[in-house]
């Protein structure tokens, strides 16, 4: 029995740690729900990187108009598409989220936050702040976790209810 008891305690503690880490990575502020902000690692010397966050809104639409972070000179809102095997990236002036909807940013296509002029490479395990500015709402500062693309996407999907 003692061995089984220790195993049970281990599972309980592991579950509590995972739950605490998971819960701590979601922000609810001013009618917004900002879910699992993450960035992908960059190779040494890469000038740019990308960050992602899911944005849910209450009964009112929201417009993300700007972002900033101390890890890069500039943060721009971007959209990436693939057409005929050619990647096209364009800067957006804003990003609209309809009332009651969730915008999911994911690596591999679509909207993201482009970190231009990185101060240093982004490494798995790093964390850094990013401030999102919204039209008609207060700015919100989040902690971004640097994770492999598949890990960050899966964790963000686990947060969505």
N, C-alpha and C. Protein backbone atom coordinates (compact mmCIF):
# COMPACT_ATOMS: atom_id res chain seq x y z
N UNK A 1 0.79 -1.21 0.00
CA UNK A 1 0.00 0.00 0.00
C UNK A 1 0.84 1.27 0.00
N UNK A 2 1.94 1.34 0.74
CA UNK A 2 2.70 2.59 0.74
C UNK A 2 3.14 2.99 -0.67
N UNK A 3 3.51 2.03 -1.49
CA UNK A 3 3.95 2.34 -2.85
C UNK A 3 2.80 2.92 -3.66
N UNK A 4 1.62 2.34 -3.53
CA UNK A 4 0.44 2.83 -4.23
C UNK A 4 0.08 4.23 -3.72
N UNK A 5 0.19 4.44 -2.42
CA UNK A 5 -0.10 5.75 -1.84
C UNK A 5 0.86 6.80 -2.40
N UNK A 6 2.16 6.49 -2.46
CA UNK A 6 3.13 7.44 -3.00
C UNK A 6 2.84 7.75 -4.47
N UNK A 7 2.45 6.74 -5.21
CA UNK A 7 2.10 6.95 -6.61
C UNK A 7 0.89 7.89 -6.72
N UNK A 8 -0.12 7.69 -5.90
CA UNK A 8 -1.30 8.55 -5.89
C UNK A 8 -0.92 9.99 -5.55
N UNK A 9 -0.07 10.18 -4.54
CA UNK A 9 0.38 11.52 -4.16
C UNK A 9 1.15 12.17 -5.32
N UNK A 10 2.01 11.40 -5.97
CA UNK A 10 2.75 11.91 -7.13
C UNK A 10 1.79 12.39 -8.22
N UNK A 11 0.78 11.60 -8.55
CA UNK A 11 -0.19 11.99 -9.56
C UNK A 11 -0.95 13.24 -9.15
N UNK A 12 -1.33 13.32 -7.90
CA UNK A 12 -2.06 14.48 -7.40
C UNK A 12 -1.21 15.74 -7.51
N UNK A 13 0.03 15.68 -7.07
CA UNK A 13 0.92 16.84 -7.12
C UNK A 13 1.20 17.23 -8.57
N UNK A 14 1.46 16.26 -9.42
CA UNK A 14 1.70 16.54 -10.84
C UNK A 14 0.49 17.23 -11.44
N UNK A 15 -0.69 16.75 -11.15
CA UNK A 15 -1.92 17.35 -11.66
C UNK A 15 -2.11 18.77 -11.17
N UNK A 16 -1.81 19.02 -9.90
CA UNK A 16 -1.94 20.37 -9.35
C UNK A 16 -0.95 21.32 -10.00
N UNK A 17 0.29 20.88 -10.20
CA UNK A 17 1.29 21.74 -10.83
C UNK A 17 0.86 22.06 -12.25
N UNK A 18 0.41 21.05 -13.01
CA UNK A 18 -0.02 21.28 -14.39
C UNK A 18 -1.21 22.22 -14.42
N UNK A 19 -2.18 22.02 -13.53
CA UNK A 19 -3.36 22.88 -13.49
C UNK A 19 -2.97 24.30 -13.16
N UNK A 20 -2.08 24.50 -12.22
CA UNK A 20 -1.65 25.84 -11.85
C UNK A 20 -0.96 26.52 -13.01
N UNK A 21 -0.06 25.82 -13.70
CA UNK A 21 0.63 26.42 -14.84
C UNK A 21 -0.35 26.74 -15.95
N UNK A 22 -1.29 25.83 -16.21
CA UNK A 22 -2.25 26.05 -17.27
C UNK A 22 -3.15 27.23 -16.94
N UNK A 23 -3.69 27.28 -15.75
CA UNK A 23 -4.60 28.35 -15.36
C UNK A 23 -3.90 29.70 -15.35
N UNK A 24 -2.64 29.71 -14.99
CA UNK A 24 -1.92 30.97 -14.88
C UNK A 24 -1.65 31.60 -16.23
N UNK A 25 -1.90 30.88 -17.30
CA UNK A 25 -1.54 31.39 -18.62
C UNK A 25 -2.75 31.83 -19.44
N UNK A 26 -3.71 32.34 -18.76
CA UNK A 26 -4.89 32.90 -19.40
C UNK A 26 -5.23 34.18 -18.67
N UNK A 27 -5.59 35.20 -19.41
CA UNK A 27 -5.92 36.49 -18.80
C UNK A 27 -7.33 36.89 -19.20
N UNK A 28 -8.10 37.29 -18.20
CA UNK A 28 -9.43 37.85 -18.45
C UNK A 28 -9.36 39.29 -18.00
N UNK A 29 -9.67 40.22 -18.91
CA UNK A 29 -9.53 41.63 -18.59
C UNK A 29 -10.47 42.45 -19.47
N UNK A 30 -11.33 43.24 -18.85
CA UNK A 30 -12.15 44.22 -19.56
C UNK A 30 -12.97 43.60 -20.70
N UNK A 31 -13.60 42.46 -20.43
CA UNK A 31 -14.43 41.81 -21.43
C UNK A 31 -13.67 40.98 -22.44
N UNK A 32 -12.36 40.82 -22.23
CA UNK A 32 -11.52 40.01 -23.12
C UNK A 32 -11.04 38.77 -22.40
N UNK A 33 -10.83 37.73 -23.16
CA UNK A 33 -10.18 36.52 -22.66
C UNK A 33 -9.00 36.28 -23.59
N UNK A 34 -7.78 36.36 -23.06
CA UNK A 34 -6.57 36.20 -23.84
C UNK A 34 -5.93 34.89 -23.42
N UNK A 35 -5.87 33.96 -24.37
CA UNK A 35 -5.56 32.58 -24.06
C UNK A 35 -4.18 32.18 -24.58
N UNK A 36 -3.36 31.67 -23.70
CA UNK A 36 -2.05 31.08 -23.97
C UNK A 36 -1.21 31.83 -25.01
N UNK A 37 -0.73 33.01 -24.66
CA UNK A 37 0.21 33.68 -25.57
C UNK A 37 1.52 32.90 -25.63
N UNK A 38 1.96 32.59 -26.84
CA UNK A 38 3.23 31.87 -26.99
C UNK A 38 3.95 32.35 -28.23
N UNK A 39 5.26 32.14 -28.26
CA UNK A 39 6.10 32.44 -29.41
C UNK A 39 6.87 31.18 -29.75
N UNK A 40 7.31 31.11 -30.97
CA UNK A 40 8.11 29.97 -31.40
C UNK A 40 9.60 30.33 -31.34
N UNK A 41 10.44 29.34 -31.06
CA UNK A 41 11.88 29.62 -30.99
C UNK A 41 12.42 30.05 -32.35
N UNK A 42 13.51 30.83 -32.30
CA UNK A 42 14.15 31.30 -33.54
C UNK A 42 15.58 30.79 -33.58
N UNK A 43 16.10 30.58 -34.78
CA UNK A 43 17.51 30.18 -34.89
C UNK A 43 18.43 31.35 -34.51
N UNK A 44 19.65 31.06 -34.09
CA UNK A 44 20.59 32.13 -33.77
C UNK A 44 20.75 33.08 -34.96
N UNK A 45 20.71 34.37 -34.67
CA UNK A 45 20.89 35.37 -35.73
C UNK A 45 19.64 35.74 -36.50
N UNK A 46 18.55 35.05 -36.25
CA UNK A 46 17.30 35.38 -36.96
C UNK A 46 16.85 36.77 -36.52
N UNK A 47 16.53 37.65 -37.48
CA UNK A 47 16.16 39.01 -37.11
C UNK A 47 14.73 39.15 -36.59
N UNK A 48 13.87 38.18 -36.93
CA UNK A 48 12.46 38.29 -36.59
C UNK A 48 11.92 37.00 -35.99
N UNK A 49 10.82 37.13 -35.29
CA UNK A 49 10.13 35.98 -34.72
C UNK A 49 8.63 36.21 -34.79
N UNK A 50 7.87 35.30 -34.21
CA UNK A 50 6.41 35.42 -34.24
C UNK A 50 5.82 35.00 -32.90
N UNK A 51 4.74 35.67 -32.53
CA UNK A 51 4.00 35.35 -31.31
C UNK A 51 2.54 35.15 -31.66
N UNK A 52 1.85 34.39 -30.82
CA UNK A 52 0.47 34.01 -31.08
C UNK A 52 -0.33 34.09 -29.79
N UNK A 53 -1.61 34.42 -29.90
CA UNK A 53 -2.50 34.43 -28.75
C UNK A 53 -3.92 34.29 -29.26
N UNK A 54 -4.76 33.59 -28.53
CA UNK A 54 -6.17 33.52 -28.87
C UNK A 54 -6.87 34.66 -28.16
N UNK A 55 -7.73 35.35 -28.89
CA UNK A 55 -8.46 36.49 -28.33
C UNK A 55 -9.95 36.22 -28.43
N UNK A 56 -10.61 36.17 -27.26
CA UNK A 56 -12.07 36.02 -27.20
C UNK A 56 -12.63 37.31 -26.65
N UNK A 57 -13.83 37.64 -27.10
CA UNK A 57 -14.47 38.85 -26.61
C UNK A 57 -15.88 38.55 -26.12
N UNK A 58 -16.39 39.44 -25.30
CA UNK A 58 -17.72 39.28 -24.75
C UNK A 58 -18.77 39.66 -25.79
N UNK A 59 -19.73 40.42 -25.41
CA UNK A 59 -20.82 40.77 -26.31
C UNK A 59 -20.50 41.94 -27.24
N UNK A 60 -19.31 42.50 -27.11
CA UNK A 60 -18.91 43.62 -27.96
C UNK A 60 -17.72 43.22 -28.82
N UNK A 61 -17.66 43.70 -30.06
CA UNK A 61 -16.48 43.41 -30.88
C UNK A 61 -15.26 44.13 -30.31
N UNK A 62 -14.09 43.67 -30.70
CA UNK A 62 -12.85 44.27 -30.24
C UNK A 62 -11.90 44.40 -31.44
N UNK A 63 -11.06 45.43 -31.37
CA UNK A 63 -10.10 45.67 -32.44
C UNK A 63 -8.71 45.80 -31.83
N UNK A 64 -7.82 44.86 -32.18
CA UNK A 64 -6.42 44.94 -31.77
C UNK A 64 -5.74 45.90 -32.74
N UNK A 65 -5.17 46.98 -32.22
CA UNK A 65 -4.61 48.01 -33.10
C UNK A 65 -3.09 48.10 -33.06
N UNK A 66 -2.46 47.56 -32.02
CA UNK A 66 -1.00 47.63 -31.92
C UNK A 66 -0.51 46.68 -30.84
N UNK A 67 0.80 46.44 -30.86
CA UNK A 67 1.44 45.62 -29.83
C UNK A 67 2.88 46.08 -29.68
N UNK A 68 3.46 45.79 -28.51
CA UNK A 68 4.86 46.14 -28.28
C UNK A 68 5.45 45.14 -27.29
N UNK A 69 6.78 45.00 -27.35
CA UNK A 69 7.49 44.10 -26.46
C UNK A 69 8.95 44.52 -26.37
N UNK A 70 9.57 44.36 -25.21
CA UNK A 70 10.99 44.70 -25.09
C UNK A 70 11.92 43.72 -25.82
N UNK A 71 11.41 42.58 -26.31
CA UNK A 71 12.29 41.61 -26.98
C UNK A 71 12.56 41.97 -28.43
N UNK A 72 11.81 42.96 -28.97
CA UNK A 72 12.03 43.35 -30.36
C UNK A 72 11.86 44.86 -30.51
N UNK A 73 12.42 45.37 -31.59
CA UNK A 73 12.30 46.80 -31.84
C UNK A 73 10.85 47.18 -32.15
N UNK A 74 10.17 46.31 -32.89
CA UNK A 74 8.80 46.59 -33.34
C UNK A 74 7.99 45.30 -33.26
N UNK A 75 6.70 45.43 -32.96
CA UNK A 75 5.76 44.32 -33.08
C UNK A 75 4.67 44.78 -34.04
N UNK A 76 4.45 44.00 -35.09
CA UNK A 76 3.41 44.32 -36.06
C UNK A 76 2.38 43.21 -36.11
N UNK A 77 1.16 43.58 -36.42
CA UNK A 77 0.08 42.61 -36.64
C UNK A 77 0.20 42.17 -38.10
N UNK A 78 0.32 40.86 -38.32
CA UNK A 78 0.51 40.34 -39.68
C UNK A 78 -0.51 39.26 -40.02
N UNK A 79 -0.66 39.06 -41.31
CA UNK A 79 -1.45 37.95 -41.84
C UNK A 79 -0.58 37.23 -42.86
N UNK A 80 -0.57 35.92 -42.81
CA UNK A 80 0.22 35.12 -43.75
C UNK A 80 -0.69 34.18 -44.50
N UNK A 81 -0.54 34.14 -45.82
CA UNK A 81 -1.31 33.22 -46.65
C UNK A 81 -0.36 32.50 -47.60
N UNK A 82 -0.80 31.35 -48.07
CA UNK A 82 -0.06 30.60 -49.09
C UNK A 82 -0.94 30.53 -50.33
N UNK A 83 -0.35 30.88 -51.46
CA UNK A 83 -1.09 30.78 -52.72
C UNK A 83 -0.13 30.27 -53.78
N UNK A 84 -0.49 29.16 -54.40
CA UNK A 84 0.33 28.54 -55.43
C UNK A 84 1.76 28.28 -54.94
N UNK A 85 1.87 27.86 -53.69
CA UNK A 85 3.17 27.53 -53.12
C UNK A 85 4.01 28.74 -52.72
N UNK A 86 3.42 29.93 -52.80
CA UNK A 86 4.15 31.15 -52.46
C UNK A 86 3.56 31.74 -51.18
N UNK A 87 4.43 31.98 -50.20
CA UNK A 87 3.98 32.58 -48.96
C UNK A 87 3.90 34.09 -49.13
N UNK A 88 2.78 34.64 -48.70
CA UNK A 88 2.60 36.09 -48.74
C UNK A 88 2.29 36.57 -47.33
N UNK A 89 3.04 37.57 -46.91
CA UNK A 89 2.82 38.14 -45.59
C UNK A 89 2.50 39.62 -45.78
N UNK A 90 1.50 40.07 -45.03
CA UNK A 90 1.16 41.49 -45.11
C UNK A 90 0.88 42.02 -43.71
N UNK A 91 1.25 43.27 -43.53
CA UNK A 91 1.01 43.97 -42.27
C UNK A 91 -0.44 44.42 -42.25
N UNK A 92 -1.09 44.26 -41.09
CA UNK A 92 -2.46 44.70 -40.91
C UNK A 92 -2.47 45.92 -39.99
N UNK A 93 -3.35 46.87 -40.27
CA UNK A 93 -3.48 48.03 -39.39
C UNK A 93 -4.20 47.67 -38.10
N UNK A 94 -5.08 46.67 -38.18
CA UNK A 94 -5.81 46.22 -37.00
C UNK A 94 -6.29 44.80 -37.24
N UNK A 95 -6.77 44.20 -36.18
CA UNK A 95 -7.29 42.84 -36.25
C UNK A 95 -8.62 42.84 -35.51
N UNK A 96 -9.67 42.52 -36.21
CA UNK A 96 -11.02 42.60 -35.65
C UNK A 96 -11.45 41.22 -35.12
N UNK A 97 -12.08 41.25 -33.95
CA UNK A 97 -12.67 40.04 -33.38
C UNK A 97 -14.15 40.36 -33.15
N UNK A 98 -15.01 39.60 -33.80
CA UNK A 98 -16.46 39.85 -33.70
C UNK A 98 -16.97 39.52 -32.30
N UNK A 99 -18.06 40.15 -31.94
CA UNK A 99 -18.68 39.92 -30.63
C UNK A 99 -18.95 38.45 -30.40
N UNK A 100 -18.54 37.95 -29.24
CA UNK A 100 -18.79 36.56 -28.87
C UNK A 100 -17.94 35.55 -29.61
N UNK A 101 -16.95 35.99 -30.38
CA UNK A 101 -16.11 35.09 -31.18
C UNK A 101 -14.72 34.93 -30.56
N UNK A 102 -13.97 33.95 -31.06
CA UNK A 102 -12.58 33.74 -30.67
C UNK A 102 -11.72 33.74 -31.91
N UNK A 103 -10.71 34.56 -31.91
CA UNK A 103 -9.71 34.56 -32.98
C UNK A 103 -8.56 33.70 -32.50
N UNK A 104 -8.23 32.66 -33.26
CA UNK A 104 -7.13 31.77 -32.89
C UNK A 104 -5.94 32.04 -33.80
N UNK A 105 -4.84 32.48 -33.20
CA UNK A 105 -3.59 32.65 -33.94
C UNK A 105 -2.78 31.37 -33.80
N UNK A 106 -2.31 30.84 -34.93
CA UNK A 106 -1.52 29.61 -34.91
C UNK A 106 -0.37 29.71 -35.91
N UNK A 107 0.74 29.06 -35.61
CA UNK A 107 1.85 29.00 -36.58
C UNK A 107 1.39 28.30 -37.87
N UNK A 108 1.98 28.69 -38.96
CA UNK A 108 1.71 28.02 -40.23
C UNK A 108 0.72 28.73 -41.11
N UNK A 109 0.18 29.83 -40.67
CA UNK A 109 -0.74 30.57 -41.52
C UNK A 109 -1.70 31.41 -40.73
N UNK A 110 -2.16 32.45 -41.33
CA UNK A 110 -3.13 33.32 -40.67
C UNK A 110 -2.48 34.44 -39.89
N UNK A 111 -3.26 34.99 -38.99
CA UNK A 111 -2.82 36.15 -38.23
C UNK A 111 -1.80 35.76 -37.16
N UNK A 112 -0.88 36.68 -36.90
CA UNK A 112 0.12 36.51 -35.86
C UNK A 112 0.73 37.87 -35.53
N UNK A 113 1.53 37.90 -34.49
CA UNK A 113 2.24 39.10 -34.10
C UNK A 113 3.69 38.93 -34.51
N UNK A 114 4.15 39.77 -35.41
CA UNK A 114 5.51 39.67 -35.95
C UNK A 114 6.44 40.49 -35.06
N UNK A 115 7.45 39.82 -34.51
CA UNK A 115 8.46 40.44 -33.65
C UNK A 115 9.63 40.81 -34.55
N UNK A 116 9.75 42.09 -34.87
CA UNK A 116 10.74 42.55 -35.85
C UNK A 116 11.91 43.21 -35.13
N UNK A 117 13.12 42.76 -35.49
CA UNK A 117 14.32 43.29 -34.87
C UNK A 117 14.54 42.73 -33.48
N UNK A 118 14.58 41.40 -33.40
CA UNK A 118 14.77 40.74 -32.11
C UNK A 118 16.08 41.19 -31.45
N UNK A 119 16.01 41.39 -30.15
CA UNK A 119 17.20 41.76 -29.38
C UNK A 119 18.12 40.56 -29.19
N UNK A 120 17.54 39.34 -29.14
CA UNK A 120 18.30 38.09 -29.03
C UNK A 120 17.38 36.96 -29.49
N UNK A 121 17.94 35.80 -29.82
CA UNK A 121 17.10 34.69 -30.26
C UNK A 121 16.09 34.28 -29.19
N UNK A 122 14.96 33.78 -29.62
CA UNK A 122 13.95 33.25 -28.71
C UNK A 122 14.23 31.77 -28.52
N UNK A 123 14.42 31.35 -27.25
CA UNK A 123 14.75 29.96 -26.95
C UNK A 123 13.61 29.32 -26.16
N UNK A 124 13.38 28.04 -26.43
CA UNK A 124 12.36 27.30 -25.68
C UNK A 124 12.61 27.49 -24.19
N UNK A 125 11.54 27.82 -23.47
CA UNK A 125 11.62 28.03 -22.03
C UNK A 125 11.70 29.51 -21.65
N UNK A 126 12.08 30.36 -22.61
CA UNK A 126 12.11 31.80 -22.33
C UNK A 126 10.68 32.31 -22.12
N UNK A 127 10.57 33.42 -21.41
CA UNK A 127 9.30 34.12 -21.25
C UNK A 127 9.57 35.60 -21.39
N UNK A 128 8.60 36.32 -21.95
CA UNK A 128 8.76 37.77 -22.10
C UNK A 128 7.40 38.44 -22.13
N UNK A 129 7.36 39.74 -21.80
CA UNK A 129 6.08 40.46 -21.82
C UNK A 129 5.76 40.98 -23.23
N UNK A 130 4.49 41.07 -23.49
CA UNK A 130 4.01 41.74 -24.71
C UNK A 130 2.76 42.53 -24.30
N UNK A 131 2.65 43.72 -24.81
CA UNK A 131 1.50 44.57 -24.50
C UNK A 131 0.64 44.69 -25.75
N UNK A 132 -0.64 44.36 -25.60
CA UNK A 132 -1.60 44.46 -26.70
C UNK A 132 -2.44 45.72 -26.48
N UNK A 133 -2.57 46.51 -27.54
CA UNK A 133 -3.36 47.74 -27.47
C UNK A 133 -4.63 47.55 -28.29
N UNK A 134 -5.76 47.87 -27.66
CA UNK A 134 -7.06 47.70 -28.29
C UNK A 134 -7.74 49.05 -28.47
N UNK A 135 -8.50 49.20 -29.53
CA UNK A 135 -9.33 50.38 -29.71
C UNK A 135 -10.47 50.30 -28.70
N UNK A 136 -10.75 51.38 -28.04
CA UNK A 136 -11.89 51.48 -27.11
C UNK A 136 -11.79 50.56 -25.89
N UNK A 137 -10.61 50.04 -25.60
CA UNK A 137 -10.38 49.23 -24.39
C UNK A 137 -8.99 49.51 -23.88
N UNK A 138 -8.76 49.18 -22.64
CA UNK A 138 -7.42 49.36 -22.07
C UNK A 138 -6.44 48.38 -22.68
N UNK A 139 -5.16 48.75 -22.67
CA UNK A 139 -4.10 47.84 -23.09
C UNK A 139 -3.95 46.73 -22.07
N UNK A 140 -3.44 45.59 -22.52
CA UNK A 140 -3.24 44.44 -21.64
C UNK A 140 -1.83 43.91 -21.88
N UNK A 141 -1.08 43.70 -20.79
CA UNK A 141 0.25 43.11 -20.90
C UNK A 141 0.17 41.64 -20.49
N UNK A 142 0.73 40.79 -21.34
CA UNK A 142 0.70 39.34 -21.15
C UNK A 142 2.12 38.79 -21.04
N UNK A 143 2.25 37.61 -20.46
CA UNK A 143 3.52 36.90 -20.46
C UNK A 143 3.49 35.86 -21.57
N UNK A 144 4.42 35.97 -22.50
CA UNK A 144 4.52 35.05 -23.63
C UNK A 144 5.52 33.95 -23.29
N UNK A 145 5.13 32.71 -23.54
CA UNK A 145 6.02 31.57 -23.33
C UNK A 145 6.59 31.15 -24.68
N UNK A 146 7.89 30.91 -24.74
CA UNK A 146 8.50 30.41 -25.98
C UNK A 146 8.42 28.89 -25.96
N UNK A 147 7.71 28.35 -26.95
CA UNK A 147 7.47 26.91 -27.05
C UNK A 147 7.57 26.48 -28.51
N UNK A 148 7.83 25.20 -28.72
CA UNK A 148 7.77 24.66 -30.08
C UNK A 148 6.35 24.89 -30.61
N UNK A 149 6.23 25.06 -31.92
CA UNK A 149 4.94 25.41 -32.53
C UNK A 149 3.82 24.45 -32.17
N UNK A 150 4.11 23.14 -32.24
CA UNK A 150 3.04 22.17 -31.96
C UNK A 150 2.65 22.18 -30.49
N UNK A 151 3.61 22.36 -29.59
CA UNK A 151 3.30 22.39 -28.16
C UNK A 151 2.46 23.62 -27.81
N UNK A 152 2.84 24.79 -28.33
CA UNK A 152 2.08 26.00 -28.06
C UNK A 152 0.67 25.93 -28.60
N UNK A 153 0.52 25.40 -29.81
CA UNK A 153 -0.81 25.28 -30.42
C UNK A 153 -1.69 24.32 -29.63
N UNK A 154 -1.14 23.18 -29.24
CA UNK A 154 -1.92 22.20 -28.48
C UNK A 154 -2.35 22.75 -27.13
N UNK A 155 -1.43 23.45 -26.45
CA UNK A 155 -1.77 24.01 -25.15
C UNK A 155 -2.85 25.07 -25.30
N UNK A 156 -2.76 25.89 -26.33
CA UNK A 156 -3.79 26.91 -26.56
C UNK A 156 -5.14 26.24 -26.82
N UNK A 157 -5.14 25.18 -27.60
CA UNK A 157 -6.40 24.47 -27.89
C UNK A 157 -6.99 23.85 -26.63
N UNK A 158 -6.14 23.41 -25.69
CA UNK A 158 -6.65 22.83 -24.43
C UNK A 158 -7.33 23.88 -23.57
N UNK A 159 -6.95 25.14 -23.72
CA UNK A 159 -7.55 26.23 -22.94
C UNK A 159 -8.93 26.59 -23.43
N UNK A 160 -9.20 26.35 -24.69
CA UNK A 160 -10.47 26.78 -25.28
C UNK A 160 -11.60 25.89 -24.77
N UNK A 161 -12.62 26.50 -24.25
CA UNK A 161 -13.76 25.74 -23.70
C UNK A 161 -14.95 25.91 -24.58
